[in-house]
Amino acid sequence: MKSGRRPRKPTKSPRLPVIGPNESHYPKRALCPWCRKRKVLEPHSFAVLSGGALSGIEGFLNLTWHGAHDGGEGRKRDVYVNVAVVRDSEHGQFSLYFCSTVCLRRFFAACVDRLDEKVKEQVAEFAEYRRKKASGQRVREPRLPASLRARFRDP
C-alpha cells in the first residue's frame, strides 16, 4: 500500500444511475468503482461494459422486472419495476470500467439486488392495497404502469 493508506471498503451498492445526462463513462476517476483498489482506464487492464444508440440518441441501460398480466403465466404478477443503471448518456454511448470481471460481476449483482428490492417493495405495496380494499377501507391505487392500472380500478 502506498503512503500507509488503507484502501476504501468496497461499495455495497452503486448510486444509480451511474451515468447521467451529458456523461459518457463511469467512473470519473481512474480507479475501479467497485473495489477501489486497482486502476482502470488506459494504460491499465480493465473490463468494460459498453453500450449506446445510433444517431446520437441518448443512451440508457435498464434492468427491468416485467410481471405477467392479462392471462399470462409467471411469478410476481402485475409487478413492473425498473432500475436505471445508465440514463441519458452523452451522444448515446457509454462505457463502465472495472479493474476485473470480478468487480464487474459484483457491480451487476448489486444492480440486480436493487431490482429485487424494488420488486419486493411493489409486491408488499400491492398486498397492502388488496388487504385494505378487501376490508372496505378507502385506498389510493398503487403505482403502476398505465397498461396495468385498469386491473386495479374499482368497477
Protein backbone atom coordinates (compact mmCIF):
# COMPACT_ATOMS: atom_id res chain seq x y z
CA MET A 1 0.00 0.00 0.00
CA LYS A 2 1.27 3.44 -0.81
CA SER A 3 1.81 6.07 1.85
CA GLY A 4 0.35 3.86 4.58
CA ARG A 5 -3.26 4.41 3.46
CA ARG A 6 -5.78 1.62 3.68
CA PRO A 7 -7.92 1.08 0.58
CA ARG A 8 -11.53 2.18 0.87
CA LYS A 9 -14.08 -0.51 1.62
CA PRO A 10 -15.79 -1.96 -1.45
CA THR A 11 -19.04 -0.27 -2.34
CA LYS A 12 -22.10 -2.23 -1.19
CA SER A 13 -24.50 -0.70 -3.68
CA PRO A 14 -23.82 1.74 -6.50
CA ARG A 15 -25.73 5.00 -6.59
CA LEU A 16 -27.85 4.63 -9.71
CA PRO A 17 -27.90 5.72 -12.44
CA VAL A 18 -24.11 5.77 -12.68
CA ILE A 19 -24.15 7.78 -15.91
CA GLY A 20 -26.49 10.70 -16.38
CA PRO A 21 -27.09 13.46 -18.93
CA ASN A 22 -24.00 14.82 -20.69
CA GLU A 23 -21.82 11.98 -19.39
CA SER A 24 -20.35 9.07 -21.34
CA HIS A 25 -18.24 6.99 -18.97
CA TYR A 26 -18.00 5.69 -15.42
CA PRO A 27 -16.04 6.08 -13.19
CA LYS A 28 -14.80 9.63 -13.49
CA ARG A 29 -11.52 8.78 -11.68
CA ALA A 30 -9.20 6.04 -12.97
CA LEU A 31 -9.96 3.78 -10.02
CA CYS A 32 -12.20 0.71 -10.06
CA PRO A 33 -15.59 1.94 -8.79
CA TRP A 34 -16.26 -1.37 -7.06
CA CYS A 35 -13.17 -2.44 -5.12
CA ARG A 36 -11.43 0.96 -5.29
CA LYS A 37 -8.09 -0.83 -5.14
CA ARG A 38 -6.87 -1.06 -8.73
CA LYS A 39 -6.63 1.39 -11.57
CA VAL A 40 -8.79 1.28 -14.66
CA LEU A 41 -8.73 3.13 -18.00
CA GLU A 42 -5.64 3.39 -20.22
CA PRO A 43 -2.95 2.08 -19.87
CA HIS A 44 -4.22 -0.40 -17.26
CA SER A 45 -6.06 -3.71 -17.71
CA PHE A 46 -9.81 -3.47 -17.16
CA ALA A 47 -13.20 -4.95 -18.00
CA VAL A 48 -15.65 -2.76 -19.91
CA LEU A 49 -19.38 -2.78 -20.46
CA SER A 50 -20.19 -0.51 -23.39
CA GLY A 51 -23.49 0.33 -24.96
CA GLY A 52 -25.40 3.01 -26.72
CA ALA A 53 -27.64 4.02 -29.53
CA LEU A 54 -27.04 5.04 -33.10
CA SER A 55 -27.56 8.54 -34.48
CA GLY A 56 -26.73 10.33 -31.22
CA ILE A 57 -29.88 9.27 -29.41
CA GLU A 58 -29.48 9.41 -25.63
CA GLY A 59 -28.22 6.05 -24.39
CA PHE A 60 -29.60 4.04 -21.50
CA LEU A 61 -29.18 0.74 -19.68
CA ASN A 62 -32.06 -0.54 -17.57
CA LEU A 63 -32.76 -3.66 -15.56
CA THR A 64 -36.48 -4.37 -15.56
CA TRP A 65 -38.88 -6.86 -13.99
CA HIS A 66 -41.98 -7.24 -16.16
CA GLY A 67 -44.55 -9.38 -14.38
CA ALA A 68 -47.17 -11.48 -16.13
CA HIS A 69 -50.54 -9.86 -16.83
CA ASP A 70 -53.68 -10.25 -18.92
CA GLY A 71 -53.78 -14.05 -18.61
CA GLY A 72 -50.04 -14.57 -18.83
CA GLU A 73 -48.24 -17.01 -16.54
CA GLY A 74 -45.43 -16.25 -14.15
CA ARG A 75 -44.39 -15.19 -10.69
CA LYS A 76 -44.90 -11.75 -9.15
CA ARG A 77 -47.77 -10.96 -11.47
CA ASP A 78 -48.68 -7.34 -12.14
CA VAL A 79 -45.29 -6.10 -10.91
CA TYR A 80 -43.36 -3.78 -13.19
CA VAL A 81 -40.24 -2.09 -11.85
CA ASN A 82 -37.18 -0.57 -13.45
CA VAL A 83 -33.64 0.20 -12.27
CA ALA A 84 -31.81 2.75 -14.41
CA VAL A 85 -28.10 1.92 -14.49
CA VAL A 86 -27.35 4.49 -17.21
CA ARG A 87 -29.68 7.33 -18.11
CA ASP A 88 -29.39 9.83 -20.99
CA SER A 89 -25.70 9.24 -21.69
CA GLU A 90 -23.87 11.73 -23.84
CA HIS A 91 -24.20 11.08 -27.59
CA GLY A 92 -25.97 7.80 -26.87
CA GLN A 93 -22.74 5.98 -25.99
CA PHE A 94 -21.46 4.84 -22.61
CA SER A 95 -18.74 2.74 -21.00
CA LEU A 96 -18.47 1.40 -17.47
CA TYR A 97 -14.91 0.45 -16.47
CA PHE A 98 -13.90 -2.06 -13.79
CA CYS A 99 -10.50 -3.46 -12.84
CA SER A 100 -11.63 -7.05 -13.27
CA THR A 101 -14.53 -9.24 -14.28
CA VAL A 102 -14.96 -10.00 -10.56
CA CYS A 103 -15.69 -6.33 -9.81
CA LEU A 104 -17.91 -6.07 -12.91
CA ARG A 105 -19.87 -9.12 -11.73
CA ARG A 106 -20.24 -7.70 -8.21
CA PHE A 107 -21.41 -4.36 -9.59
CA PHE A 108 -24.14 -6.06 -11.60
CA ALA A 109 -25.05 -8.34 -8.72
CA ALA A 110 -25.65 -5.17 -6.67
CA CYS A 111 -27.79 -3.74 -9.50
CA VAL A 112 -29.83 -6.96 -9.66
CA ASP A 113 -30.15 -6.86 -5.86
CA ARG A 114 -31.63 -3.35 -6.21
CA LEU A 115 -34.09 -4.68 -8.79
CA ASP A 116 -35.08 -7.47 -6.36
CA GLU A 117 -35.60 -4.86 -3.61
CA LYS A 118 -37.88 -2.81 -5.83
CA VAL A 119 -39.87 -5.92 -6.81
CA LYS A 120 -40.34 -6.83 -3.12
CA GLU A 121 -41.40 -3.26 -2.32
CA GLN A 122 -44.06 -3.30 -5.04
CA VAL A 123 -45.30 -6.79 -4.07
CA ALA A 124 -45.70 -5.54 -0.47
CA GLU A 125 -47.44 -2.37 -1.68
CA PHE A 126 -49.93 -4.42 -3.74
CA ALA A 127 -50.58 -6.80 -0.83
CA GLU A 128 -51.31 -3.87 1.49
CA TYR A 129 -53.57 -2.30 -1.15
CA ARG A 130 -55.54 -5.53 -1.61
CA ARG A 131 -55.82 -6.07 2.16
CA LYS A 132 -57.17 -2.56 2.74
CA LYS A 133 -59.50 -2.74 -0.24
CA ALA A 134 -60.89 -6.11 0.94
CA SER A 135 -61.59 -4.64 4.38
CA GLY A 136 -63.58 -1.80 2.82
CA GLN A 137 -61.06 0.94 3.53
CA ARG A 138 -60.70 3.74 1.05
CA VAL A 139 -57.27 3.45 -0.58
CA ARG A 140 -55.21 5.09 -3.30
CA GLU A 141 -54.28 2.97 -6.29
CA PRO A 142 -50.75 1.55 -6.16
CA ARG A 143 -48.07 2.91 -8.50
CA LEU A 144 -48.46 1.02 -11.76
CA PRO A 145 -47.57 1.41 -15.41
CA ALA A 146 -50.57 2.56 -17.44
CA SER A 147 -51.02 -0.90 -19.02
CA LEU A 148 -51.77 -2.43 -15.61
CA ARG A 149 -53.80 0.34 -13.94
CA ALA A 150 -57.15 -0.92 -15.24
CA ARG A 151 -56.75 -4.21 -13.35
CA PHE A 152 -56.82 -2.40 -10.00
CA ARG A 153 -59.53 0.21 -10.61
CA ASP A 154 -62.86 -0.07 -8.90
CA PRO A 155 -65.59 -1.04 -11.42
